[in-house]
Amino acid sequence: MMRRRMGRPGLVGTMARTAVVAGTATAVVGGVKGKQQAAAQQQQAAAQQSADTQARLDALEQQGAPAAAPAAASGDDMVAQIQKLLDLKNAGALSEAEFEVAKAKVLNA
């Protein structure tokens, strides 16, 4: 019968442990890279959506749709402009995000 030596692992045990550590490191690095790429893509998509929203609002403003209230607008005028924006949103001309941006412009003017 062969006796098993106690203490340090043999060559096969060391190779197996090294393979597990290397595989774990590769998986962790891949996960981190994936999360970083996803975050970068999300930032790019948000920036693009913001630019698209602004372009659509500019186009609607050129067509005569209210995008911002004049500085001395009364409360009734603001309500009317927000109602027009809501009508555009309900008609599908504005997305929810575009509506919120335009509404904020009217309220902050």
PDB file of N, CA and C in Angstrom:
ATOM      1  N   MET A   1       0.817  -1.159   0.000  1.00  0.00           N
ATOM      2  CA  MET A   1       0.000   0.000   0.000  1.00  0.00           C
ATOM      3  C   MET A   1       0.881   1.251   0.000  1.00  0.00           C
ATOM      4  N   MET A   2       0.446   2.262  -0.768  1.00  0.00           N
ATOM      5  CA  MET A   2       1.221   3.497  -0.793  1.00  0.00           C
ATOM      6  C   MET A   2       0.668   4.441   0.250  1.00  0.00           C
ATOM      7  N   ARG A   3       1.584   5.033   0.912  1.00  0.00           N
ATOM      8  CA  ARG A   3       1.166   6.012   1.900  1.00  0.00           C
ATOM      9  C   ARG A   3       1.051   7.376   1.247  1.00  0.00           C
ATOM     10  N   ARG A   4       0.079   8.075   1.663  1.00  0.00           N
ATOM     11  CA  ARG A   4      -0.110   9.426   1.149  1.00  0.00           C
ATOM     12  C   ARG A   4       0.650  10.381   2.048  1.00  0.00           C
ATOM     13  N   ARG A   5       1.401  11.224   1.401  1.00  0.00           N
ATOM     14  CA  ARG A   5       2.212  12.175   2.138  1.00  0.00           C
ATOM     15  C   ARG A   5       1.327  13.337   2.575  1.00  0.00           C
ATOM     16  N   MET A   6       1.426  13.726   3.803  1.00  0.00           N
ATOM     17  CA  MET A   6       0.665  14.850   4.329  1.00  0.00           C
ATOM     18  C   MET A   6       1.522  16.102   4.227  1.00  0.00           C
ATOM     19  N   GLY A   7       0.853  17.218   4.066  1.00  0.00           N
ATOM     20  CA  GLY A   7       1.595  18.468   3.995  1.00  0.00           C
ATOM     21  C   GLY A   7       1.278  19.181   2.698  1.00  0.00           C
ATOM     22  N   ARG A   8       2.289  19.555   1.978  1.00  0.00           N
ATOM     23  CA  ARG A   8       2.108  20.319   0.742  1.00  0.00           C
ATOM     24  C   ARG A   8       1.518  19.430  -0.345  1.00  0.00           C
ATOM     25  N   PRO A   9       0.696  20.044  -1.231  1.00  0.00           N
ATOM     26  CA  PRO A   9       0.122  19.233  -2.307  1.00  0.00           C
ATOM     27  C   PRO A   9       1.191  18.898  -3.356  1.00  0.00           C
ATOM     28  N   GLY A  10       0.909  17.871  -4.084  1.00  0.00           N
ATOM     29  CA  GLY A  10       1.830  17.463  -5.127  1.00  0.00           C
ATOM     30  C   GLY A  10       1.701  18.347  -6.357  1.00  0.00           C
ATOM     31  N   LEU A  11       2.381  17.947  -7.413  1.00  0.00           N
ATOM     32  CA  LEU A  11       2.397  18.715  -8.647  1.00  0.00           C
ATOM     33  C   LEU A  11       0.992  18.829  -9.252  1.00  0.00           C
ATOM     34  N   VAL A  12       0.248  17.757  -9.258  1.00  0.00           N
ATOM     35  CA  VAL A  12      -1.097  17.780  -9.840  1.00  0.00           C
ATOM     36  C   VAL A  12      -2.013  18.693  -9.018  1.00  0.00           C
ATOM     37  N   GLY A  13      -1.921  18.633  -7.728  1.00  0.00           N
ATOM     38  CA  GLY A  13      -2.731  19.494  -6.864  1.00  0.00           C
ATOM     39  C   GLY A  13      -2.399  20.966  -7.070  1.00  0.00           C
ATOM     40  N   THR A  14      -1.123  21.266  -7.206  1.00  0.00           N
ATOM     41  CA  THR A  14      -0.709  22.653  -7.435  1.00  0.00           C
ATOM     42  C   THR A  14      -1.212  23.147  -8.784  1.00  0.00           C
ATOM     43  N   MET A  15      -1.129  22.307  -9.807  1.00  0.00           N
ATOM     44  CA  MET A  15      -1.612  22.684 -11.131  1.00  0.00           C
ATOM     45  C   MET A  15      -3.124  22.911 -11.109  1.00  0.00           C
ATOM     46  N   ALA A  16      -3.842  22.066 -10.394  1.00  0.00           N
ATOM     47  CA  ALA A  16      -5.292  22.209 -10.312  1.00  0.00           C
ATOM     48  C   ALA A  16      -5.658  23.519  -9.607  1.00  0.00           C
ATOM     49  N   ARG A  17      -4.969  23.807  -8.507  1.00  0.00           N
ATOM     50  CA  ARG A  17      -5.242  25.050  -7.780  1.00  0.00           C
ATOM     51  C   ARG A  17      -4.931  26.265  -8.648  1.00  0.00           C
ATOM     52  N   THR A  18      -3.841  26.224  -9.380  1.00  0.00           N
ATOM     53  CA  THR A  18      -3.469  27.328 -10.268  1.00  0.00           C
ATOM     54  C   THR A  18      -4.522  27.520 -11.359  1.00  0.00           C
ATOM     55  N   ALA A  19      -5.030  26.438 -11.904  1.00  0.00           N
ATOM     56  CA  ALA A  19      -6.058  26.527 -12.945  1.00  0.00           C
ATOM     57  C   ALA A  19      -7.337  27.151 -12.397  1.00  0.00           C
ATOM     58  N   VAL A  20      -7.711  26.802 -11.170  1.00  0.00           N
ATOM     59  CA  VAL A  20      -8.915  27.367 -10.560  1.00  0.00           C
ATOM     60  C   VAL A  20      -8.733  28.860 -10.322  1.00  0.00           C
ATOM     61  N   VAL A  21      -7.574  29.252  -9.794  1.00  0.00           N
ATOM     62  CA  VAL A  21      -7.313  30.673  -9.533  1.00  0.00           C
ATOM     63  C   VAL A  21      -7.305  31.461 -10.845  1.00  0.00           C
ATOM     64  N   ALA A  22      -6.660  30.925 -11.866  1.00  0.00           N
ATOM     65  CA  ALA A  22      -6.602  31.612 -13.155  1.00  0.00           C
ATOM     66  C   ALA A  22      -7.988  31.725 -13.778  1.00  0.00           C
ATOM     67  N   GLY A  23      -8.774  30.675 -13.682  1.00  0.00           N
ATOM     68  CA  GLY A  23     -10.132  30.712 -14.227  1.00  0.00           C
ATOM     69  C   GLY A  23     -11.009  31.719 -13.500  1.00  0.00           C
ATOM     70  N   THR A  24     -10.864  31.790 -12.185  1.00  0.00           N
ATOM     71  CA  THR A  24     -11.627  32.761 -11.406  1.00  0.00           C
ATOM     72  C   THR A  24     -11.220  34.183 -11.771  1.00  0.00           C
ATOM     73  N   ALA A  25      -9.930  34.419 -11.905  1.00  0.00           N
ATOM     74  CA  ALA A  25      -9.451  35.759 -12.273  1.00  0.00           C
ATOM     75  C   ALA A  25      -9.971  36.159 -13.646  1.00  0.00           C
ATOM     76  N   THR A  26      -9.957  35.243 -14.579  1.00  0.00           N
ATOM     77  CA  THR A  26     -10.461  35.528 -15.921  1.00  0.00           C
ATOM     78  C   THR A  26     -11.948  35.862 -15.885  1.00  0.00           C
ATOM     79  N   ALA A  27     -12.701  35.119 -15.106  1.00  0.00           N
ATOM     80  CA  ALA A  27     -14.136  35.372 -15.002  1.00  0.00           C
ATOM     81  C   ALA A  27     -14.410  36.732 -14.360  1.00  0.00           C
ATOM     82  N   VAL A  28     -13.655  37.088 -13.333  1.00  0.00           N
ATOM     83  CA  VAL A  28     -13.854  38.373 -12.663  1.00  0.00           C
ATOM     84  C   VAL A  28     -13.512  39.517 -13.611  1.00  0.00           C
ATOM     85  N   VAL A  29     -12.393  39.405 -14.315  1.00  0.00           N
ATOM     86  CA  VAL A  29     -11.998  40.460 -15.255  1.00  0.00           C
ATOM     87  C   VAL A  29     -13.036  40.599 -16.359  1.00  0.00           C
ATOM     88  N   GLY A  30     -13.527  39.477 -16.862  1.00  0.00           N
ATOM     89  CA  GLY A  30     -14.556  39.523 -17.900  1.00  0.00           C
ATOM     90  C   GLY A  30     -15.833  40.176 -17.396  1.00  0.00           C
ATOM     91  N   GLY A  31     -16.216  39.886 -16.167  1.00  0.00           N
ATOM     92  CA  GLY A  31     -17.410  40.499 -15.589  1.00  0.00           C
ATOM     93  C   GLY A  31     -17.262  41.997 -15.418  1.00  0.00           C
ATOM     94  N   VAL A  32     -16.094  42.431 -14.960  1.00  0.00           N
ATOM     95  CA  VAL A  32     -15.841  43.862 -14.774  1.00  0.00           C
ATOM     96  C   VAL A  32     -15.857  44.575 -16.122  1.00  0.00           C
ATOM     97  N   LYS A  33     -15.197  43.992 -17.114  1.00  0.00           N
ATOM     98  CA  LYS A  33     -15.192  44.606 -18.449  1.00  0.00           C
ATOM     99  C   LYS A  33     -16.599  44.698 -19.007  1.00  0.00           C
ATOM    100  N   GLY A  34     -17.385  43.654 -18.807  1.00  0.00           N
ATOM    101  CA  GLY A  34     -18.763  43.651 -19.297  1.00  0.00           C
ATOM    102  C   GLY A  34     -19.590  44.752 -18.648  1.00  0.00           C
ATOM    103  N   LYS A  35     -19.427  44.922 -17.339  1.00  0.00           N
ATOM    104  CA  LYS A  35     -20.172  45.972 -16.638  1.00  0.00           C
ATOM    105  C   LYS A  35     -19.726  47.356 -17.094  1.00  0.00           C
ATOM    106  N   GLN A  36     -18.422  47.532 -17.306  1.00  0.00           N
ATOM    107  CA  GLN A  36     -17.922  48.824 -17.775  1.00  0.00           C
ATOM    108  C   GLN A  36     -18.442  49.128 -19.173  1.00  0.00           C
ATOM    109  N   GLN A  37     -18.459  48.137 -20.046  1.00  0.00           N
ATOM    110  CA  GLN A  37     -18.973  48.347 -21.395  1.00  0.00           C
ATOM    111  C   GLN A  37     -20.463  48.657 -21.372  1.00  0.00           C
ATOM    112  N   ALA A  38     -21.202  47.973 -20.520  1.00  0.00           N
ATOM    113  CA  ALA A  38     -22.640  48.226 -20.422  1.00  0.00           C
ATOM    114  C   ALA A  38     -22.895  49.643 -19.914  1.00  0.00           C
ATOM    115  N   ALA A  39     -22.116  50.085 -18.942  1.00  0.00           N
ATOM    116  CA  ALA A  39     -22.282  51.443 -18.413  1.00  0.00           C
ATOM    117  C   ALA A  39     -21.947  52.479 -19.481  1.00  0.00           C
ATOM    118  N   ALA A  40     -20.891  52.239 -20.235  1.00  0.00           N
ATOM    119  CA  ALA A  40     -20.515  53.176 -21.301  1.00  0.00           C
ATOM    120  C   ALA A  40     -21.596  53.229 -22.379  1.00  0.00           C
ATOM    121  N   GLN A  41     -22.142  52.089 -22.750  1.00  0.00           N
ATOM    122  CA  GLN A  41     -23.208  52.056 -23.745  1.00  0.00           C
ATOM    123  C   GLN A  41     -24.454  52.762 -23.235  1.00  0.00           C
ATOM    124  N   GLN A  42     -24.755  52.609 -21.946  1.00  0.00           N
ATOM    125  CA  GLN A  42     -25.916  53.272 -21.370  1.00  0.00           C
ATOM    126  C   GLN A  42     -25.722  54.788 -21.369  1.00  0.00           C
ATOM    127  N   GLN A  43     -24.515  55.255 -21.067  1.00  0.00           N
ATOM    128  CA  GLN A  43     -24.238  56.688 -21.096  1.00  0.00           C
ATOM    129  C   GLN A  43     -24.358  57.237 -22.513  1.00  0.00           C
ATOM    130  N   GLN A  44     -23.847  56.496 -23.485  1.00  0.00           N
ATOM    131  CA  GLN A  44     -23.952  56.931 -24.876  1.00  0.00           C
ATOM    132  C   GLN A  44     -25.409  56.980 -25.318  1.00  0.00           C
ATOM    133  N   ALA A  45     -26.196  55.996 -24.924  1.00  0.00           N
ATOM    134  CA  ALA A  45     -27.604  55.971 -25.298  1.00  0.00           C
ATOM    135  C   ALA A  45     -28.353  57.145 -24.662  1.00  0.00           C
ATOM    136  N   ALA A  46     -28.028  57.463 -23.405  1.00  0.00           N
ATOM    137  CA  ALA A  46     -28.679  58.589 -22.737  1.00  0.00           C
ATOM    138  C   ALA A  46     -28.308  59.903 -23.411  1.00  0.00           C
ATOM    139  N   ALA A  47     -27.048  60.056 -23.776  1.00  0.00           N
ATOM    140  CA  ALA A  47     -26.608  61.276 -24.455  1.00  0.00           C
ATOM    141  C   ALA A  47     -27.283  61.398 -25.822  1.00  0.00           C
ATOM    142  N   GLN A  48     -27.392  60.300 -26.531  1.00  0.00           N
ATOM    143  CA  GLN A  48     -28.041  60.310 -27.845  1.00  0.00           C
ATOM    144  C   GLN A  48     -29.526  60.636 -27.703  1.00  0.00           C
ATOM    145  N   GLN A  49     -30.172  60.062 -26.689  1.00  0.00           N
ATOM    146  CA  GLN A  49     -31.599  60.331 -26.475  1.00  0.00           C
ATOM    147  C   GLN A  49     -31.805  61.800 -26.126  1.00  0.00           C
ATOM    148  N   SER A  50     -30.911  62.347 -25.330  1.00  0.00           N
ATOM    149  CA  SER A  50     -31.009  63.756 -24.970  1.00  0.00           C
ATOM    150  C   SER A  50     -30.865  64.640 -26.208  1.00  0.00           C
ATOM    151  N   ALA A  51     -29.904  64.309 -27.058  1.00  0.00           N
ATOM    152  CA  ALA A  51     -29.701  65.076 -28.287  1.00  0.00           C
ATOM    153  C   ALA A  51     -30.911  64.938 -29.216  1.00  0.00           C
ATOM    154  N   ASP A  52     -31.451  63.731 -29.318  1.00  0.00           N
ATOM    155  CA  ASP A  52     -32.632  63.512 -30.151  1.00  0.00           C
ATOM    156  C   ASP A  52     -33.837  64.285 -29.617  1.00  0.00           C
ATOM    157  N   THR A  53     -33.990  64.275 -28.304  1.00  0.00           N
ATOM    158  CA  THR A  53     -35.092  65.005 -27.683  1.00  0.00           C
ATOM    159  C   THR A  53     -34.986  66.490 -27.974  1.00  0.00           C
ATOM    160  N   GLN A  54     -33.782  67.033 -27.815  1.00  0.00           N
ATOM    161  CA  GLN A  54     -33.593  68.454 -28.073  1.00  0.00           C
ATOM    162  C   GLN A  54     -33.851  68.781 -29.542  1.00  0.00           C
ATOM    163  N   ALA A  55     -33.412  67.925 -30.445  1.00  0.00           N
ATOM    164  CA  ALA A  55     -33.637  68.155 -31.869  1.00  0.00           C
ATOM    165  C   ALA A  55     -35.138  68.140 -32.194  1.00  0.00           C
ATOM    166  N   ARG A  56     -35.868  67.194 -31.598  1.00  0.00           N
ATOM    167  CA  ARG A  56     -37.316  67.129 -31.837  1.00  0.00           C
ATOM    168  C   ARG A  56     -38.024  68.346 -31.269  1.00  0.00           C
ATOM    169  N   LEU A  57     -37.583  68.793 -30.084  1.00  0.00           N
ATOM    170  CA  LEU A  57     -38.200  69.984 -29.497  1.00  0.00           C
ATOM    171  C   LEU A  57     -37.916  71.221 -30.343  1.00  0.00           C
ATOM    172  N   ASP A  58     -36.691  71.320 -30.858  1.00  0.00           N
ATOM    173  CA  ASP A  58     -36.350  72.441 -31.739  1.00  0.00           C
ATOM    174  C   ASP A  58     -37.209  72.409 -33.007  1.00  0.00           C
ATOM    175  N   ALA A  59     -37.403  71.220 -33.568  1.00  0.00           N
ATOM    176  CA  ALA A  59     -38.221  71.093 -34.773  1.00  0.00           C
ATOM    177  C   ALA A  59     -39.669  71.468 -34.484  1.00  0.00           C
ATOM    178  N   LEU A  60     -40.194  71.032 -33.341  1.00  0.00           N
ATOM    179  CA  LEU A  60     -41.565  71.376 -32.983  1.00  0.00           C
ATOM    180  C   LEU A  60     -41.701  72.881 -32.745  1.00  0.00           C
ATOM    181  N   GLU A  61     -40.677  73.474 -32.149  1.00  0.00           N
ATOM    182  CA  GLU A  61     -40.712  74.918 -31.909  1.00  0.00           C
ATOM    183  C   GLU A  61     -40.741  75.686 -33.227  1.00  0.00           C
ATOM    184  N   GLN A  62     -39.990  75.204 -34.204  1.00  0.00           N
ATOM    185  CA  GLN A  62     -39.981  75.851 -35.516  1.00  0.00           C
ATOM    186  C   GLN A  62     -41.334  75.708 -36.207  1.00  0.00           C
ATOM    187  N   GLN A  63     -42.032  74.631 -35.896  1.00  0.00           N
ATOM    188  CA  GLN A  63     -43.355  74.410 -36.502  1.00  0.00           C
ATOM    189  C   GLN A  63     -44.442  75.181 -35.765  1.00  0.00           C
ATOM    190  N   GLY A  64     -44.079  75.836 -34.678  1.00  0.00           N
ATOM    191  CA  GLY A  64     -45.048  76.637 -33.953  1.00  0.00           C
ATOM    192  C   GLY A  64     -45.569  76.000 -32.688  1.00  0.00           C
ATOM    193  N   ALA A  65     -45.063  74.857 -32.309  1.00  0.00           N
ATOM    194  CA  ALA A  65     -45.494  74.235 -31.061  1.00  0.00           C
ATOM    195  C   ALA A  65     -44.806  74.949 -29.899  1.00  0.00           C
ATOM    196  N   PRO A  66     -45.475  75.094 -28.780  1.00  0.00           N
ATOM    197  CA  PRO A  66     -44.862  75.800 -27.659  1.00  0.00           C
ATOM    198  C   PRO A  66     -43.769  74.949 -27.025  1.00  0.00           C
ATOM    199  N   ALA A  67     -42.582  75.511 -26.879  1.00  0.00           N
ATOM    200  CA  ALA A  67     -41.498  74.792 -26.218  1.00  0.00           C
ATOM    201  C   ALA A  67     -41.132  75.470 -24.919  1.00  0.00           C
ATOM    202  N   ALA A  68     -41.329  76.785 -24.839  1.00  0.00           N
ATOM    203  CA  ALA A  68     -41.036  77.497 -23.608  1.00  0.00           C
ATOM    204  C   ALA A  68     -41.957  78.705 -23.513  1.00  0.00           C
ATOM    205  N   ALA A  69     -42.283  79.063 -22.299  1.00  0.00           N
ATOM    206  CA  ALA A  69     -43.160  80.205 -22.092  1.00  0.00           C
ATOM    207  C   ALA A  69     -42.360  81.489 -22.116  1.00  0.00           C
ATOM    208  N   PRO A  70     -42.958  82.612 -22.518  1.00  0.00           N
ATOM    209  CA  PRO A  70     -42.257  83.875 -22.426  1.00  0.00           C
ATOM    210  C   PRO A  70     -42.005  84.220 -20.963  1.00  0.00           C
ATOM    211  N   ALA A  71     -41.061  85.119 -20.726  1.00  0.00           N
ATOM    212  CA  ALA A  71     -40.643  85.437 -19.364  1.00  0.00           C
ATOM    213  C   ALA A  71     -41.792  85.976 -18.526  1.00  0.00           C
ATOM    214  N   ALA A  72     -42.698  86.741 -19.106  1.00  0.00           N
ATOM    215  CA  ALA A  72     -43.786  87.350 -18.348  1.00  0.00           C
ATOM    216  C   ALA A  72     -45.105  86.600 -18.555  1.00  0.00           C
ATOM    217  N   ALA A  73     -45.049  85.293 -18.712  1.00  0.00           N
ATOM    218  CA  ALA A  73     -46.254  84.511 -18.978  1.00  0.00           C
ATOM    219  C   ALA A  73     -47.118  84.438 -17.726  1.00  0.00           C
ATOM    220  N   SER A  74     -48.404  84.486 -17.942  1.00  0.00           N
ATOM    221  CA  SER A  74     -49.323  84.362 -16.810  1.00  0.00           C
ATOM    222  C   SER A  74     -49.540  82.878 -16.521  1.00  0.00           C
ATOM    223  N   GLY A  75     -50.189  82.589 -15.397  1.00  0.00           N
ATOM    224  CA  GLY A  75     -50.461  81.208 -15.027  1.00  0.00           C
ATOM    225  C   GLY A  75     -51.362  80.512 -16.022  1.00  0.00           C
ATOM    226  N   ASP A  76     -52.356  81.247 -16.559  1.00  0.00           N
ATOM    227  CA  ASP A  76     -53.271  80.656 -17.539  1.00  0.00           C
ATOM    228  C   ASP A  76     -52.543  80.287 -18.826  1.00  0.00           C
ATOM    229  N   ASP A  77     -51.587  81.151 -19.224  1.00  0.00           N
ATOM    230  CA  ASP A  77     -50.807  80.894 -20.438  1.00  0.00           C
ATOM    231  C   ASP A  77     -49.951  79.643 -20.264  1.00  0.00           C
ATOM    232  N   MET A  78     -49.369  79.491 -19.076  1.00  0.00           N
ATOM    233  CA  MET A  78     -48.544  78.307 -18.809  1.00  0.00           C
ATOM    234  C   MET A  78     -49.390  77.040 -18.857  1.00  0.00           C
ATOM    235  N   VAL A  79     -50.566  77.102 -18.270  1.00  0.00           N
ATOM    236  CA  VAL A  79     -51.465  75.943 -18.277  1.00  0.00           C
ATOM    237  C   VAL A  79     -51.845  75.595 -19.708  1.00  0.00           C
ATOM    238  N   ALA A  80     -52.115  76.606 -20.528  1.00  0.00           N
ATOM    239  CA  ALA A  80     -52.477  76.358 -21.924  1.00  0.00           C
ATOM    240  C   ALA A  80     -51.319  75.716 -22.686  1.00  0.00           C
ATOM    241  N   GLN A  81     -50.099  76.193 -22.429  1.00  0.00           N
ATOM    242  CA  GLN A  81     -48.945  75.611 -23.122  1.00  0.00           C
ATOM    243  C   GLN A  81     -48.702  74.177 -22.683  1.00  0.00           C
ATOM    244  N   ILE A  82     -48.843  73.912 -21.392  1.00  0.00           N
ATOM    245  CA  ILE A  82     -48.662  72.537 -20.906  1.00  0.00           C
ATOM    246  C   ILE A  82     -49.757  71.637 -21.475  1.00  0.00           C
ATOM    247  N   GLN A  83     -50.966  72.151 -21.589  1.00  0.00           N
ATOM    248  CA  GLN A  83     -52.057  71.369 -22.180  1.00  0.00           C
ATOM    249  C   GLN A  83     -51.754  71.035 -23.640  1.00  0.00           C
ATOM    250  N   LYS A  84     -51.187  72.000 -24.388  1.00  0.00           N
ATOM    251  CA  LYS A  84     -50.810  71.742 -25.781  1.00  0.00           C
ATOM    252  C   LYS A  84     -49.723  70.674 -25.852  1.00  0.00           C
ATOM    253  N   LEU A  85     -48.760  70.758 -24.924  1.00  0.00           N
ATOM    254  CA  LEU A  85     -47.699  69.738 -24.886  1.00  0.00           C
ATOM    255  C   LEU A  85     -48.284  68.363 -24.567  1.00  0.00           C
ATOM    256  N   LEU A  86     -49.238  68.330 -23.641  1.00  0.00           N
ATOM    257  CA  LEU A  86     -49.894  67.072 -23.293  1.00  0.00           C
ATOM    258  C   LEU A  86     -50.654  66.504 -24.489  1.00  0.00           C
ATOM    259  N   ASP A  87     -51.309  67.379 -25.237  1.00  0.00           N
ATOM    260  CA  ASP A  87     -52.008  66.932 -26.443  1.00  0.00           C
ATOM    261  C   ASP A  87     -51.027  66.346 -27.457  1.00  0.00           C
ATOM    262  N   LEU A  88     -49.855  67.000 -27.611  1.00  0.00           N
ATOM    263  CA  LEU A  88     -48.834  66.472 -28.526  1.00  0.00           C
ATOM    264  C   LEU A  88     -48.329  65.111 -28.054  1.00  0.00           C
ATOM    265  N   LYS A  89     -48.144  64.968 -26.735  1.00  0.00           N
ATOM    266  CA  LYS A  89     -47.685  63.685 -26.186  1.00  0.00           C
ATOM    267  C   LYS A  89     -48.732  62.608 -26.418  1.00  0.00           C
ATOM    268  N   ASN A  90     -49.995  62.933 -26.158  1.00  0.00           N
ATOM    269  CA  ASN A  90     -51.074  61.956 -26.352  1.00  0.00           C
ATOM    270  C   ASN A  90     -51.246  61.581 -27.818  1.00  0.00           C
ATOM    271  N   ALA A  91     -50.922  62.516 -28.713  1.00  0.00           N
ATOM    272  CA  ALA A  91     -51.018  62.234 -30.148  1.00  0.00           C
ATOM    273  C   ALA A  91     -49.818  61.427 -30.653  1.00  0.00           C
ATOM    274  N   GLY A  92     -48.806  61.269 -29.803  1.00  0.00           N
ATOM    275  CA  GLY A  92     -47.630  60.501 -30.191  1.00  0.00           C
ATOM    276  C   GLY A  92     -46.516  61.335 -30.789  1.00  0.00           C
ATOM    277  N   ALA A  93     -46.681  62.654 -30.809  1.00  0.00           N
ATOM    278  CA  ALA A  93     -45.644  63.523 -31.374  1.00  0.00           C
ATOM    279  C   ALA A  93     -44.491  63.718 -30.395  1.00  0.00           C
ATOM    280  N   LEU A  94     -44.752  63.530 -29.100  1.00  0.00           N
ATOM    281  CA  LEU A  94     -43.720  63.668 -28.073  1.00  0.00           C
ATOM    282  C   LEU A  94     -43.683  62.395 -27.234  1.00  0.00           C
ATOM    283  N   SER A  95     -42.481  62.003 -26.857  1.00  0.00           N
ATOM    284  CA  SER A  95     -42.345  60.883 -25.919  1.00  0.00           C
ATOM    285  C   SER A  95     -42.519  61.424 -24.500  1.00  0.00           C
ATOM    286  N   GLU A  96     -42.585  60.526 -23.543  1.00  0.00           N
ATOM    287  CA  GLU A  96     -42.722  60.944 -22.139  1.00  0.00           C
ATOM    288  C   GLU A  96     -41.546  61.822 -21.720  1.00  0.00           C
ATOM    289  N   ALA A  97     -40.324  61.432 -22.110  1.00  0.00           N
ATOM    290  CA  ALA A  97     -39.139  62.210 -21.744  1.00  0.00           C
ATOM    291  C   ALA A  97     -39.160  63.588 -22.398  1.00  0.00           C
ATOM    292  N   GLU A  98     -39.562  63.639 -23.658  1.00  0.00           N
ATOM    293  CA  GLU A  98     -39.631  64.921 -24.365  1.00  0.00           C
ATOM    294  C   GLU A  98     -40.685  65.831 -23.735  1.00  0.00           C
ATOM    295  N   PHE A  99     -41.805  65.237 -23.348  1.00  0.00           N
ATOM    296  CA  PHE A  99     -42.857  66.009 -22.690  1.00  0.00           C
ATOM    297  C   PHE A  99     -42.348  66.608 -21.389  1.00  0.00           C
ATOM    298  N   GLU A 100     -41.634  65.799 -20.596  1.00  0.00           N
ATOM    299  CA  GLU A 100     -41.116  66.279 -19.311  1.00  0.00           C
ATOM    300  C   GLU A 100     -40.122  67.412 -19.505  1.00  0.00           C
ATOM    301  N   VAL A 101     -39.251  67.308 -20.515  1.00  0.00           N
ATOM    302  CA  VAL A 101     -38.270  68.368 -20.787  1.00  0.00           C
ATOM    303  C   VAL A 101     -38.983  69.647 -21.192  1.00  0.00           C
ATOM    304  N   ALA A 102     -39.939  69.549 -22.089  1.00  0.00           N
ATOM    305  CA  ALA A 102     -40.668  70.733 -22.543  1.00  0.00           C
ATOM    306  C   ALA A 102     -41.483  71.350 -21.415  1.00  0.00           C
ATOM    307  N   LYS A 103     -42.105  70.519 -20.601  1.00  0.00           N
ATOM    308  CA  LYS A 103     -42.884  71.010 -19.467  1.00  0.00           C
ATOM    309  C   LYS A 103     -41.992  71.755 -18.476  1.00  0.00           C
ATOM    310  N   ALA A 104     -40.799  71.213 -18.238  1.00  0.00           N
ATOM    311  CA  ALA A 104     -39.858  71.872 -17.333  1.00  0.00           C
ATOM    312  C   ALA A 104     -39.451  73.250 -17.883  1.00  0.00           C
ATOM    313  N   LYS A 105     -39.285  73.341 -19.201  1.00  0.00           N
ATOM    314  CA  LYS A 105     -38.950  74.634 -19.811  1.00  0.00           C
ATOM    315  C   LYS A 105     -40.075  75.634 -19.592  1.00  0.00           C
ATOM    316  N   VAL A 106     -41.312  75.189 -19.745  1.00  0.00           N
ATOM    317  CA  VAL A 106     -42.455  76.081 -19.563  1.00  0.00           C
ATOM    318  C   VAL A 106     -42.537  76.530 -18.096  1.00  0.00           C
ATOM    319  N   LEU A 107     -42.371  75.610 -17.190  1.00  0.00           N
ATOM    320  CA  LEU A 107     -42.496  75.939 -15.772  1.00  0.00           C
ATOM    321  C   LEU A 107     -41.338  76.797 -15.250  1.00  0.00           C
ATOM    322  N   ASN A 108     -40.157  76.630 -15.827  1.00  0.00           N
ATOM    323  CA  ASN A 108     -38.985  77.380 -15.353  1.00  0.00           C
ATOM    324  C   ASN A 108     -38.813  78.724 -16.032  1.00  0.00           C
ATOM    325  N   ALA A 109     -39.633  79.019 -17.008  1.00  0.00           N
ATOM    326  CA  ALA A 109     -39.468  80.288 -17.739  1.00  0.00           C
ATOM    327  C   ALA A 109     -39.926  81.456 -16.909  1.00  0.00           C
TER     328      ALA A 109
END
